[in-house]
Amino acid sequence: MSKNNENLSSEKIEQIERGKRIREIRENELKMPKTQLAKEIGVSGQFLGLVEDGKGNLVYKSIRKLRDLSGHSADYILYGLDDTILDRTKLLLKDYNENQIINGIKILKNLASFIDT
């Protein structure tokens, strides 16, 4: 398989996964029918169906609207990157003062240096 075909394959896989995330958000979180979400984000229901099936991509304006409706980051919608990590980190660190957090970060840097050697 040529390098271009490999790239197309990985891009297609990303597109399919993105469609699954969008469907998951619509059905399980927003609990909206396809036509309602489509209207909210400015596309047709038919096109949203294509996106959810991994056969189309939303434009920036529609992604922004979906982001605002769902509360998910664009990084999550587009790439599946965890968009709860900041909130979870804040929750974990809430009982520590700034100096303790800074010292913890230094320890992590040293540990990372040790692991890399």
PDB file of N, CA and C in Angstrom:
ATOM      1  N   MET A   1       0.851  -1.175   0.000  1.00  0.00           N
ATOM      2  CA  MET A   1       0.000   0.000   0.000  1.00  0.00           C
ATOM      3  C   MET A   1       0.893   1.234   0.000  1.00  0.00           C
ATOM      4  N   SER A   2       0.610   2.205  -0.852  1.00  0.00           N
ATOM      5  CA  SER A   2       1.436   3.406  -0.930  1.00  0.00           C
ATOM      6  C   SER A   2       1.197   4.295   0.279  1.00  0.00           C
ATOM      7  N   LYS A   3       2.129   5.225   0.501  1.00  0.00           N
ATOM      8  CA  LYS A   3       2.022   6.144   1.634  1.00  0.00           C
ATOM      9  C   LYS A   3       0.738   6.973   1.539  1.00  0.00           C
ATOM     10  N   ASN A   4       0.361   7.421   0.335  1.00  0.00           N
ATOM     11  CA  ASN A   4      -0.871   8.192   0.166  1.00  0.00           C
ATOM     12  C   ASN A   4      -2.095   7.373   0.555  1.00  0.00           C
ATOM     13  N   ASN A   5      -2.120   6.094   0.167  1.00  0.00           N
ATOM     14  CA  ASN A   5      -3.242   5.235   0.526  1.00  0.00           C
ATOM     15  C   ASN A   5      -3.311   5.022   2.030  1.00  0.00           C
ATOM     16  N   GLU A   6      -2.145   4.894   2.692  1.00  0.00           N
ATOM     17  CA  GLU A   6      -2.119   4.754   4.140  1.00  0.00           C
ATOM     18  C   GLU A   6      -2.691   5.998   4.796  1.00  0.00           C
ATOM     19  N   ASN A   7      -2.292   7.181   4.306  1.00  0.00           N
ATOM     20  CA  ASN A   7      -2.812   8.427   4.857  1.00  0.00           C
ATOM     21  C   ASN A   7      -4.316   8.542   4.648  1.00  0.00           C
ATOM     22  N   LEU A   8      -4.762   8.186   3.460  1.00  0.00           N
ATOM     23  CA  LEU A   8      -6.199   8.222   3.189  1.00  0.00           C
ATOM     24  C   LEU A   8      -6.932   7.277   4.120  1.00  0.00           C
ATOM     25  N   SER A   9      -6.370   6.132   4.347  1.00  0.00           N
ATOM     26  CA  SER A   9      -7.004   5.163   5.232  1.00  0.00           C
ATOM     27  C   SER A   9      -7.106   5.696   6.646  1.00  0.00           C
ATOM     28  N   SER A  10      -6.045   6.292   7.156  1.00  0.00           N
ATOM     29  CA  SER A  10      -6.095   6.828   8.517  1.00  0.00           C
ATOM     30  C   SER A  10      -7.043   8.025   8.589  1.00  0.00           C
ATOM     31  N   GLU A  11      -7.079   8.832   7.526  1.00  0.00           N
ATOM     32  CA  GLU A  11      -8.023   9.953   7.490  1.00  0.00           C
ATOM     33  C   GLU A  11      -9.458   9.447   7.460  1.00  0.00           C
ATOM     34  N   LYS A  12      -9.686   8.400   6.702  1.00  0.00           N
ATOM     35  CA  LYS A  12     -11.032   7.824   6.623  1.00  0.00           C
ATOM     36  C   LYS A  12     -11.437   7.237   7.972  1.00  0.00           C
ATOM     37  N   ILE A  13     -10.508   6.570   8.621  1.00  0.00           N
ATOM     38  CA  ILE A  13     -10.786   6.009   9.949  1.00  0.00           C
ATOM     39  C   ILE A  13     -11.137   7.132  10.921  1.00  0.00           C
ATOM     40  N   GLU A  14     -10.377   8.231  10.894  1.00  0.00           N
ATOM     41  CA  GLU A  14     -10.681   9.384  11.751  1.00  0.00           C
ATOM     42  C   GLU A  14     -12.066   9.933  11.450  1.00  0.00           C
ATOM     43  N   GLN A  15     -12.416  10.004  10.178  1.00  0.00           N
ATOM     44  CA  GLN A  15     -13.718  10.528   9.772  1.00  0.00           C
ATOM     45  C   GLN A  15     -14.847   9.628  10.308  1.00  0.00           C
ATOM     46  N   ILE A  16     -14.667   8.338  10.232  1.00  0.00           N
ATOM     47  CA  ILE A  16     -15.664   7.391  10.741  1.00  0.00           C
ATOM     48  C   ILE A  16     -15.794   7.517  12.252  1.00  0.00           C
ATOM     49  N   GLU A  17     -14.660   7.593  12.943  1.00  0.00           N
ATOM     50  CA  GLU A  17     -14.682   7.734  14.405  1.00  0.00           C
ATOM     51  C   GLU A  17     -15.329   9.058  14.819  1.00  0.00           C
ATOM     52  N   ARG A  18     -15.039  10.109  14.086  1.00  0.00           N
ATOM     53  CA  ARG A  18     -15.636  11.424  14.360  1.00  0.00           C
ATOM     54  C   ARG A  18     -17.153  11.347  14.222  1.00  0.00           C
ATOM     55  N   GLY A  19     -17.613  10.686  13.172  1.00  0.00           N
ATOM     56  CA  GLY A  19     -19.053  10.510  12.974  1.00  0.00           C
ATOM     57  C   GLY A  19     -19.700   9.755  14.120  1.00  0.00           C
ATOM     58  N   LYS A  20     -19.015   8.720  14.602  1.00  0.00           N
ATOM     59  CA  LYS A  20     -19.532   7.957  15.749  1.00  0.00           C
ATOM     60  C   LYS A  20     -19.634   8.834  16.989  1.00  0.00           C
ATOM     61  N   ARG A  21     -18.618   9.686  17.223  1.00  0.00           N
ATOM     62  CA  ARG A  21     -18.666  10.581  18.394  1.00  0.00           C
ATOM     63  C   ARG A  21     -19.835  11.548  18.283  1.00  0.00           C
ATOM     64  N   ILE A  22     -20.033  12.089  17.083  1.00  0.00           N
ATOM     65  CA  ILE A  22     -21.121  13.050  16.884  1.00  0.00           C
ATOM     66  C   ILE A  22     -22.467  12.365  17.114  1.00  0.00           C
ATOM     67  N   ARG A  23     -22.634  11.155  16.598  1.00  0.00           N
ATOM     68  CA  ARG A  23     -23.878  10.411  16.827  1.00  0.00           C
ATOM     69  C   ARG A  23     -24.070  10.135  18.320  1.00  0.00           C
ATOM     70  N   GLU A  24     -22.998   9.732  18.988  1.00  0.00           N
ATOM     71  CA  GLU A  24     -23.044   9.463  20.434  1.00  0.00           C
ATOM     72  C   GLU A  24     -23.485  10.714  21.201  1.00  0.00           C
ATOM     73  N   ILE A  25     -22.915  11.851  20.868  1.00  0.00           N
ATOM     74  CA  ILE A  25     -23.284  13.111  21.512  1.00  0.00           C
ATOM     75  C   ILE A  25     -24.761  13.412  21.262  1.00  0.00           C
ATOM     76  N   ARG A  26     -25.189  13.274  20.020  1.00  0.00           N
ATOM     77  CA  ARG A  26     -26.578  13.589  19.664  1.00  0.00           C
ATOM     78  C   ARG A  26     -27.565  12.675  20.369  1.00  0.00           C
ATOM     79  N   GLU A  27     -27.314  11.371  20.293  1.00  0.00           N
ATOM     80  CA  GLU A  27     -28.276  10.406  20.826  1.00  0.00           C
ATOM     81  C   GLU A  27     -28.248  10.305  22.348  1.00  0.00           C
ATOM     82  N   ASN A  28     -27.070  10.193  22.920  1.00  0.00           N
ATOM     83  CA  ASN A  28     -26.961   9.855  24.345  1.00  0.00           C
ATOM     84  C   ASN A  28     -26.814  11.054  25.274  1.00  0.00           C
ATOM     85  N   GLU A  29     -26.325  12.163  24.759  1.00  0.00           N
ATOM     86  CA  GLU A  29     -26.144  13.326  25.618  1.00  0.00           C
ATOM     87  C   GLU A  29     -27.191  14.404  25.347  1.00  0.00           C
ATOM     88  N   LEU A  30     -27.310  14.781  24.079  1.00  0.00           N
ATOM     89  CA  LEU A  30     -28.278  15.823  23.733  1.00  0.00           C
ATOM     90  C   LEU A  30     -29.693  15.256  23.595  1.00  0.00           C
ATOM     91  N   LYS A  31     -29.776  13.943  23.337  1.00  0.00           N
ATOM     92  CA  LYS A  31     -31.057  13.259  23.167  1.00  0.00           C
ATOM     93  C   LYS A  31     -31.953  13.977  22.157  1.00  0.00           C
ATOM     94  N   MET A  32     -31.353  14.242  21.001  1.00  0.00           N
ATOM     95  CA  MET A  32     -32.046  14.952  19.922  1.00  0.00           C
ATOM     96  C   MET A  32     -32.186  14.057  18.709  1.00  0.00           C
ATOM     97  N   PRO A  33     -33.290  14.196  17.994  1.00  0.00           N
ATOM     98  CA  PRO A  33     -33.356  13.530  16.691  1.00  0.00           C
ATOM     99  C   PRO A  33     -32.387  14.204  15.719  1.00  0.00           C
ATOM    100  N   LYS A  34     -32.015  13.484  14.724  1.00  0.00           N
ATOM    101  CA  LYS A  34     -31.041  13.976  13.742  1.00  0.00           C
ATOM    102  C   LYS A  34     -31.482  15.310  13.133  1.00  0.00           C
ATOM    103  N   THR A  35     -32.760  15.406  12.797  1.00  0.00           N
ATOM    104  CA  THR A  35     -33.245  16.632  12.143  1.00  0.00           C
ATOM    105  C   THR A  35     -33.125  17.852  13.063  1.00  0.00           C
ATOM    106  N   GLN A  36     -33.351  17.657  14.354  1.00  0.00           N
ATOM    107  CA  GLN A  36     -33.256  18.785  15.287  1.00  0.00           C
ATOM    108  C   GLN A  36     -31.819  19.262  15.438  1.00  0.00           C
ATOM    109  N   LEU A  37     -30.889  18.317  15.642  1.00  0.00           N
ATOM    110  CA  LEU A  37     -29.488  18.729  15.769  1.00  0.00           C
ATOM    111  C   LEU A  37     -29.013  19.364  14.476  1.00  0.00           C
ATOM    112  N   ALA A  38     -29.398  18.787  13.355  1.00  0.00           N
ATOM    113  CA  ALA A  38     -28.989  19.343  12.066  1.00  0.00           C
ATOM    114  C   ALA A  38     -29.418  20.803  11.955  1.00  0.00           C
ATOM    115  N   LYS A  39     -30.646  21.077  12.312  1.00  0.00           N
ATOM    116  CA  LYS A  39     -31.154  22.451  12.262  1.00  0.00           C
ATOM    117  C   LYS A  39     -30.355  23.354  13.196  1.00  0.00           C
ATOM    118  N   GLU A  40     -30.065  22.864  14.404  1.00  0.00           N
ATOM    119  CA  GLU A  40     -29.328  23.648  15.408  1.00  0.00           C
ATOM    120  C   GLU A  40     -27.920  24.020  14.928  1.00  0.00           C
ATOM    121  N   ILE A  41     -27.286  23.119  14.177  1.00  0.00           N
ATOM    122  CA  ILE A  41     -25.904  23.389  13.758  1.00  0.00           C
ATOM    123  C   ILE A  41     -25.812  23.873  12.315  1.00  0.00           C
ATOM    124  N   GLY A  42     -26.968  24.042  11.669  1.00  0.00           N
ATOM    125  CA  GLY A  42     -26.981  24.664  10.344  1.00  0.00           C
ATOM    126  C   GLY A  42     -26.684  23.770   9.167  1.00  0.00           C
ATOM    127  N   VAL A  43     -27.065  22.496   9.268  1.00  0.00           N
ATOM    128  CA  VAL A  43     -26.911  21.580   8.135  1.00  0.00           C
ATOM    129  C   VAL A  43     -28.226  20.840   7.941  1.00  0.00           C
ATOM    130  N   SER A  44     -28.334  20.113   6.852  1.00  0.00           N
ATOM    131  CA  SER A  44     -29.538  19.309   6.629  1.00  0.00           C
ATOM    132  C   SER A  44     -29.435  18.008   7.418  1.00  0.00           C
ATOM    133  N   GLY A  45     -30.584  17.421   7.692  1.00  0.00           N
ATOM    134  CA  GLY A  45     -30.596  16.128   8.370  1.00  0.00           C
ATOM    135  C   GLY A  45     -29.897  15.057   7.554  1.00  0.00           C
ATOM    136  N   GLN A  46     -30.058  15.127   6.243  1.00  0.00           N
ATOM    137  CA  GLN A  46     -29.413  14.160   5.358  1.00  0.00           C
ATOM    138  C   GLN A  46     -27.888  14.285   5.443  1.00  0.00           C
ATOM    139  N   PHE A  47     -27.398  15.530   5.450  1.00  0.00           N
ATOM    140  CA  PHE A  47     -25.945  15.713   5.528  1.00  0.00           C
ATOM    141  C   PHE A  47     -25.421  15.254   6.886  1.00  0.00           C
ATOM    142  N   LEU A  48     -26.154  15.571   7.972  1.00  0.00           N
ATOM    143  CA  LEU A  48     -25.725  15.107   9.291  1.00  0.00           C
ATOM    144  C   LEU A  48     -25.655  13.586   9.315  1.00  0.00           C
ATOM    145  N   GLY A  49     -26.602  12.933   8.658  1.00  0.00           N
ATOM    146  CA  GLY A  49     -26.554  11.472   8.561  1.00  0.00           C
ATOM    147  C   GLY A  49     -25.293  10.989   7.874  1.00  0.00           C
ATOM    148  N   LEU A  50     -24.897  11.674   6.810  1.00  0.00           N
ATOM    149  CA  LEU A  50     -23.648  11.319   6.126  1.00  0.00           C
ATOM    150  C   LEU A  50     -22.444  11.503   7.044  1.00  0.00           C
ATOM    151  N   VAL A  51     -22.435  12.600   7.798  1.00  0.00           N
ATOM    152  CA  VAL A  51     -21.337  12.864   8.742  1.00  0.00           C
ATOM    153  C   VAL A  51     -21.277  11.744   9.783  1.00  0.00           C
ATOM    154  N   GLU A  52     -22.426  11.406  10.353  1.00  0.00           N
ATOM    155  CA  GLU A  52     -22.461  10.364  11.378  1.00  0.00           C
ATOM    156  C   GLU A  52     -22.057   9.002  10.829  1.00  0.00           C
ATOM    157  N   ASP A  53     -22.269   8.787   9.553  1.00  0.00           N
ATOM    158  CA  ASP A  53     -21.855   7.533   8.904  1.00  0.00           C
ATOM    159  C   ASP A  53     -20.402   7.568   8.428  1.00  0.00           C
ATOM    160  N   GLY A  54     -19.693   8.663   8.711  1.00  0.00           N
ATOM    161  CA  GLY A  54     -18.293   8.758   8.312  1.00  0.00           C
ATOM    162  C   GLY A  54     -18.097   9.078   6.852  1.00  0.00           C
ATOM    163  N   LYS A  55     -19.094   9.713   6.235  1.00  0.00           N
ATOM    164  CA  LYS A  55     -19.020  10.009   4.805  1.00  0.00           C
ATOM    165  C   LYS A  55     -19.011  11.501   4.516  1.00  0.00           C
ATOM    166  N   GLY A  56     -18.858  12.307   5.540  1.00  0.00           N
ATOM    167  CA  GLY A  56     -18.817  13.754   5.364  1.00  0.00           C
ATOM    168  C   GLY A  56     -18.192  14.406   6.577  1.00  0.00           C
ATOM    169  N   ASN A  57     -17.862  15.671   6.434  1.00  0.00           N
ATOM    170  CA  ASN A  57     -17.254  16.425   7.538  1.00  0.00           C
ATOM    171  C   ASN A  57     -18.017  17.725   7.749  1.00  0.00           C
ATOM    172  N   LEU A  58     -18.151  18.104   8.996  1.00  0.00           N
ATOM    173  CA  LEU A  58     -18.764  19.385   9.323  1.00  0.00           C
ATOM    174  C   LEU A  58     -17.775  20.512   9.083  1.00  0.00           C
ATOM    175  N   VAL A  59     -18.287  21.675   8.729  1.00  0.00           N
ATOM    176  CA  VAL A  59     -17.449  22.864   8.595  1.00  0.00           C
ATOM    177  C   VAL A  59     -17.282  23.493   9.973  1.00  0.00           C
ATOM    178  N   TYR A  60     -16.341  24.421  10.065  1.00  0.00           N
ATOM    179  CA  TYR A  60     -16.001  25.049  11.339  1.00  0.00           C
ATOM    180  C   TYR A  60     -17.228  25.612  12.050  1.00  0.00           C
ATOM    181  N   LYS A  61     -18.066  26.326  11.325  1.00  0.00           N
ATOM    182  CA  LYS A  61     -19.245  26.966  11.919  1.00  0.00           C
ATOM    183  C   LYS A  61     -20.148  25.930  12.601  1.00  0.00           C
ATOM    184  N   SER A  62     -20.344  24.802  11.967  1.00  0.00           N
ATOM    185  CA  SER A  62     -21.190  23.744  12.530  1.00  0.00           C
ATOM    186  C   SER A  62     -20.521  23.071  13.725  1.00  0.00           C
ATOM    187  N   ILE A  63     -19.216  22.871  13.647  1.00  0.00           N
ATOM    188  CA  ILE A  63     -18.485  22.286  14.773  1.00  0.00           C
ATOM    189  C   ILE A  63     -18.574  23.213  15.986  1.00  0.00           C
ATOM    190  N   ARG A  64     -18.416  24.508  15.741  1.00  0.00           N
ATOM    191  CA  ARG A  64     -18.513  25.487  16.826  1.00  0.00           C
ATOM    192  C   ARG A  64     -19.894  25.436  17.483  1.00  0.00           C
ATOM    193  N   LYS A  65     -20.934  25.343  16.677  1.00  0.00           N
ATOM    194  CA  LYS A  65     -22.290  25.258  17.226  1.00  0.00           C
ATOM    195  C   LYS A  65     -22.482  23.961  18.011  1.00  0.00           C
ATOM    196  N   LEU A  66     -21.966  22.855  17.499  1.00  0.00           N
ATOM    197  CA  LEU A  66     -22.057  21.577  18.211  1.00  0.00           C
ATOM    198  C   LEU A  66     -21.275  21.648  19.521  1.00  0.00           C
ATOM    199  N   ARG A  67     -20.132  22.269  19.479  1.00  0.00           N
ATOM    200  CA  ARG A  67     -19.327  22.453  20.690  1.00  0.00           C
ATOM    201  C   ARG A  67     -20.121  23.225  21.738  1.00  0.00           C
ATOM    202  N   ASP A  68     -20.743  24.317  21.323  1.00  0.00           N
ATOM    203  CA  ASP A  68     -21.511  25.141  22.255  1.00  0.00           C
ATOM    204  C   ASP A  68     -22.718  24.395  22.811  1.00  0.00           C
ATOM    205  N   LEU A  69     -23.380  23.613  21.977  1.00  0.00           N
ATOM    206  CA  LEU A  69     -24.561  22.851  22.415  1.00  0.00           C
ATOM    207  C   LEU A  69     -24.192  21.721  23.376  1.00  0.00           C
ATOM    208  N   SER A  70     -23.102  21.041  23.071  1.00  0.00           N
ATOM    209  CA  SER A  70     -22.759  19.825  23.814  1.00  0.00           C
ATOM    210  C   SER A  70     -21.881  20.074  25.026  1.00  0.00           C
ATOM    211  N   GLY A  71     -21.136  21.173  25.008  1.00  0.00           N
ATOM    212  CA  GLY A  71     -20.179  21.409  26.086  1.00  0.00           C
ATOM    213  C   GLY A  71     -18.857  20.686  25.876  1.00  0.00           C
ATOM    214  N   HIS A  72     -18.754  19.935  24.794  1.00  0.00           N
ATOM    215  CA  HIS A  72     -17.491  19.256  24.485  1.00  0.00           C
ATOM    216  C   HIS A  72     -16.564  20.208  23.741  1.00  0.00           C
ATOM    217  N   SER A  73     -15.272  19.974  23.879  1.00  0.00           N
ATOM    218  CA  SER A  73     -14.298  20.769  23.140  1.00  0.00           C
ATOM    219  C   SER A  73     -14.284  20.338  21.678  1.00  0.00           C
ATOM    220  N   ALA A  74     -13.811  21.237  20.824  1.00  0.00           N
ATOM    221  CA  ALA A  74     -13.638  20.884  19.409  1.00  0.00           C
ATOM    222  C   ALA A  74     -12.626  19.744  19.287  1.00  0.00           C
ATOM    223  N   ASP A  75     -11.626  19.713  20.147  1.00  0.00           N
ATOM    224  CA  ASP A  75     -10.637  18.628  20.119  1.00  0.00           C
ATOM    225  C   ASP A  75     -11.299  17.274  20.360  1.00  0.00           C
ATOM    226  N   TYR A  76     -12.287  17.245  21.255  1.00  0.00           N
ATOM    227  CA  TYR A  76     -12.990  15.988  21.481  1.00  0.00           C
ATOM    228  C   TYR A  76     -13.830  15.627  20.261  1.00  0.00           C
ATOM    229  N   ILE A  77     -14.586  16.579  19.758  1.00  0.00           N
ATOM    230  CA  ILE A  77     -15.462  16.311  18.613  1.00  0.00           C
ATOM    231  C   ILE A  77     -14.646  15.844  17.415  1.00  0.00           C
ATOM    232  N   LEU A  78     -13.560  16.535  17.122  1.00  0.00           N
ATOM    233  CA  LEU A  78     -12.769  16.227  15.932  1.00  0.00           C
ATOM    234  C   LEU A  78     -11.864  15.009  16.097  1.00  0.00           C
ATOM    235  N   TYR A  79     -11.213  14.902  17.243  1.00  0.00           N
ATOM    236  CA  TYR A  79     -10.149  13.900  17.397  1.00  0.00           C
ATOM    237  C   TYR A  79     -10.346  12.918  18.541  1.00  0.00           C
ATOM    238  N   GLY A  80     -11.385  13.120  19.341  1.00  0.00           N
ATOM    239  CA  GLY A  80     -11.619  12.217  20.459  1.00  0.00           C
ATOM    240  C   GLY A  80     -10.714  12.462  21.652  1.00  0.00           C
ATOM    241  N   LEU A  81     -10.045  13.617  21.674  1.00  0.00           N
ATOM    242  CA  LEU A  81      -9.144  13.918  22.787  1.00  0.00           C
ATOM    243  C   LEU A  81      -9.956  14.226  24.038  1.00  0.00           C
ATOM    244  N   ASP A  82      -9.505  13.740  25.153  1.00  0.00           N
ATOM    245  CA  ASP A  82     -10.210  13.887  26.424  1.00  0.00           C
ATOM    246  C   ASP A  82     -10.377  15.360  26.775  1.00  0.00           C
ATOM    247  N   ASP A  83     -11.624  15.808  26.854  1.00  0.00           N
ATOM    248  CA  ASP A  83     -11.861  17.212  27.175  1.00  0.00           C
ATOM    249  C   ASP A  83     -12.254  17.407  28.632  1.00  0.00           C
ATOM    250  N   THR A  84     -12.118  16.357  29.423  1.00  0.00           N
ATOM    251  CA  THR A  84     -12.431  16.483  30.851  1.00  0.00           C
ATOM    252  C   THR A  84     -11.171  16.541  31.698  1.00  0.00           C
ATOM    253  N   ILE A  85     -10.013  16.442  31.061  1.00  0.00           N
ATOM    254  CA  ILE A  85      -8.764  16.337  31.818  1.00  0.00           C
ATOM    255  C   ILE A  85      -8.482  17.572  32.668  1.00  0.00           C
ATOM    256  N   LEU A  86      -8.792  18.755  32.163  1.00  0.00           N
ATOM    257  CA  LEU A  86      -8.555  19.964  32.965  1.00  0.00           C
ATOM    258  C   LEU A  86      -9.436  19.987  34.202  1.00  0.00           C
ATOM    259  N   ASP A  87     -10.710  19.671  34.040  1.00  0.00           N
ATOM    260  CA  ASP A  87     -11.610  19.645  35.188  1.00  0.00           C
ATOM    261  C   ASP A  87     -11.200  18.585  36.194  1.00  0.00           C
ATOM    262  N   ARG A  88     -10.814  17.402  35.696  1.00  0.00           N
ATOM    263  CA  ARG A  88     -10.388  16.330  36.610  1.00  0.00           C
ATOM    264  C   ARG A  88      -9.098  16.713  37.323  1.00  0.00           C
ATOM    265  N   THR A  89      -8.174  17.358  36.610  1.00  0.00           N
ATOM    266  CA  THR A  89      -6.910  17.779  37.218  1.00  0.00           C
ATOM    267  C   THR A  89      -7.160  18.829  38.288  1.00  0.00           C
ATOM    268  N   LYS A  90      -8.004  19.810  37.995  1.00  0.00           N
ATOM    269  CA  LYS A  90      -8.347  20.830  38.992  1.00  0.00           C
ATOM    270  C   LYS A  90      -8.936  20.194  40.237  1.00  0.00           C
ATOM    271  N   LEU A  91      -9.807  19.226  40.047  1.00  0.00           N
ATOM    272  CA  LEU A  91     -10.431  18.541  41.180  1.00  0.00           C
ATOM    273  C   LEU A  91      -9.395  17.805  42.015  1.00  0.00           C
ATOM    274  N   LEU A  92      -8.458  17.137  41.346  1.00  0.00           N
ATOM    275  CA  LEU A  92      -7.413  16.403  42.063  1.00  0.00           C
ATOM    276  C   LEU A  92      -6.466  17.329  42.830  1.00  0.00           C
ATOM    277  N   LEU A  93      -6.235  18.532  42.282  1.00  0.00           N
ATOM    278  CA  LEU A  93      -5.250  19.436  42.880  1.00  0.00           C
ATOM    279  C   LEU A  93      -5.856  20.483  43.812  1.00  0.00           C
ATOM    280  N   LYS A  94      -7.158  20.484  43.996  1.00  0.00           N
ATOM    281  CA  LYS A  94      -7.818  21.554  44.752  1.00  0.00           C
ATOM    282  C   LYS A  94      -7.355  21.659  46.200  1.00  0.00           C
ATOM    283  N   ASP A  95      -6.893  20.582  46.779  1.00  0.00           N
ATOM    284  CA  ASP A  95      -6.475  20.595  48.186  1.00  0.00           C
ATOM    285  C   ASP A  95      -4.998  20.933  48.385  1.00  0.00           C
ATOM    286  N   TYR A  96      -4.289  21.240  47.288  1.00  0.00           N
ATOM    287  CA  TYR A  96      -2.861  21.542  47.372  1.00  0.00           C
ATOM    288  C   TYR A  96      -2.625  23.016  47.089  1.00  0.00           C
ATOM    289  N   ASN A  97      -1.606  23.574  47.771  1.00  0.00           N
ATOM    290  CA  ASN A  97      -1.285  24.973  47.495  1.00  0.00           C
ATOM    291  C   ASN A  97      -0.331  25.059  46.301  1.00  0.00           C
ATOM    292  N   GLU A  98      -0.086  26.282  45.857  1.00  0.00           N
ATOM    293  CA  GLU A  98       0.722  26.498  44.649  1.00  0.00           C
ATOM    294  C   GLU A  98       2.120  25.902  44.767  1.00  0.00           C
ATOM    295  N   ASN A  99       2.771  26.081  45.910  1.00  0.00           N
ATOM    296  CA  ASN A  99       4.129  25.542  46.091  1.00  0.00           C
ATOM    297  C   ASN A  99       4.145  24.016  46.030  1.00  0.00           C
ATOM    298  N   GLN A 100       3.139  23.384  46.607  1.00  0.00           N
ATOM    299  CA  GLN A 100       3.067  21.927  46.549  1.00  0.00           C
ATOM    300  C   GLN A 100       2.894  21.454  45.102  1.00  0.00           C
ATOM    301  N   ILE A 101       2.081  22.152  44.344  1.00  0.00           N
ATOM    302  CA  ILE A 101       1.862  21.780  42.941  1.00  0.00           C
ATOM    303  C   ILE A 101       3.144  21.978  42.137  1.00  0.00           C
ATOM    304  N   ILE A 102       3.827  23.103  42.344  1.00  0.00           N
ATOM    305  CA  ILE A 102       5.091  23.365  41.641  1.00  0.00           C
ATOM    306  C   ILE A 102       6.120  22.296  41.973  1.00  0.00           C
ATOM    307  N   ASN A 103       6.234  21.920  43.234  1.00  0.00           N
ATOM    308  CA  ASN A 103       7.179  20.863  43.627  1.00  0.00           C
ATOM    309  C   ASN A 103       6.794  19.524  42.996  1.00  0.00           C
ATOM    310  N   GLY A 104       5.505  19.235  42.917  1.00  0.00           N
ATOM    311  CA  GLY A 104       5.039  18.007  42.274  1.00  0.00           C
ATOM    312  C   GLY A 104       5.419  17.974  40.802  1.00  0.00           C
ATOM    313  N   ILE A 105       5.288  19.129  40.137  1.00  0.00           N
ATOM    314  CA  ILE A 105       5.654  19.210  38.720  1.00  0.00           C
ATOM    315  C   ILE A 105       7.156  18.972  38.548  1.00  0.00           C
ATOM    316  N   LYS A 106       7.973  19.537  39.441  1.00  0.00           N
ATOM    317  CA  LYS A 106       9.425  19.312  39.380  1.00  0.00           C
ATOM    318  C   LYS A 106       9.748  17.828  39.527  1.00  0.00           C
ATOM    319  N   ILE A 107       9.066  17.180  40.447  1.00  0.00           N
ATOM    320  CA  ILE A 107       9.289  15.745  40.658  1.00  0.00           C
ATOM    321  C   ILE A 107       8.911  14.966  39.392  1.00  0.00           C
ATOM    322  N   LEU A 108       7.800  15.325  38.784  1.00  0.00           N
ATOM    323  CA  LEU A 108       7.380  14.651  37.550  1.00  0.00           C
ATOM    324  C   LEU A 108       8.390  14.856  36.425  1.00  0.00           C
ATOM    325  N   LYS A 109       8.938  16.079  36.322  1.00  0.00           N
ATOM    326  CA  LYS A 109       9.966  16.340  35.298  1.00  0.00           C
ATOM    327  C   LYS A 109      11.195  15.475  35.533  1.00  0.00           C
ATOM    328  N   ASN A 110      11.609  15.379  36.787  1.00  0.00           N
ATOM    329  CA  ASN A 110      12.772  14.546  37.112  1.00  0.00           C
ATOM    330  C   ASN A 110      12.486  13.069  36.808  1.00  0.00           C
ATOM    331  N   LEU A 111      11.284  12.635  37.139  1.00  0.00           N
ATOM    332  CA  LEU A 111      10.904  11.258  36.858  1.00  0.00           C
ATOM    333  C   LEU A 111      10.912  10.997  35.356  1.00  0.00           C
ATOM    334  N   ALA A 112      10.384  11.947  34.588  1.00  0.00           N
ATOM    335  CA  ALA A 112      10.366  11.793  33.135  1.00  0.00           C
ATOM    336  C   ALA A 112      11.797  11.723  32.590  1.00  0.00           C
ATOM    337  N   SER A 113      12.699  12.537  33.116  1.00  0.00           N
ATOM    338  CA  SER A 113      14.102  12.494  32.689  1.00  0.00           C
ATOM    339  C   SER A 113      14.720  11.153  33.014  1.00  0.00           C
ATOM    340  N   PHE A 114      14.405  10.628  34.177  1.00  0.00           N
ATOM    341  CA  PHE A 114      14.942   9.332  34.612  1.00  0.00           C
ATOM    342  C   PHE A 114      14.425   8.223  33.704  1.00  0.00           C
ATOM    343  N   ILE A 115      13.148   8.273  33.351  1.00  0.00           N
ATOM    344  CA  ILE A 115      12.551   7.242  32.506  1.00  0.00           C
ATOM    345  C   ILE A 115      13.141   7.267  31.100  1.00  0.00           C
ATOM    346  N   ASP A 116      13.437   8.496  30.588  1.00  0.00           N
ATOM    347  CA  ASP A 116      13.988   8.642  29.237  1.00  0.00           C
ATOM    348  C   ASP A 116      15.408   8.119  29.108  1.00  0.00           C
ATOM    349  N   THR A 117      16.110   7.946  30.212  1.00  0.00           N
ATOM    350  CA  THR A 117      17.512   7.494  30.116  1.00  0.00           C
ATOM    351  C   THR A 117      17.623   6.004  30.049  1.00  0.00           C
TER     352      THR A 117
END
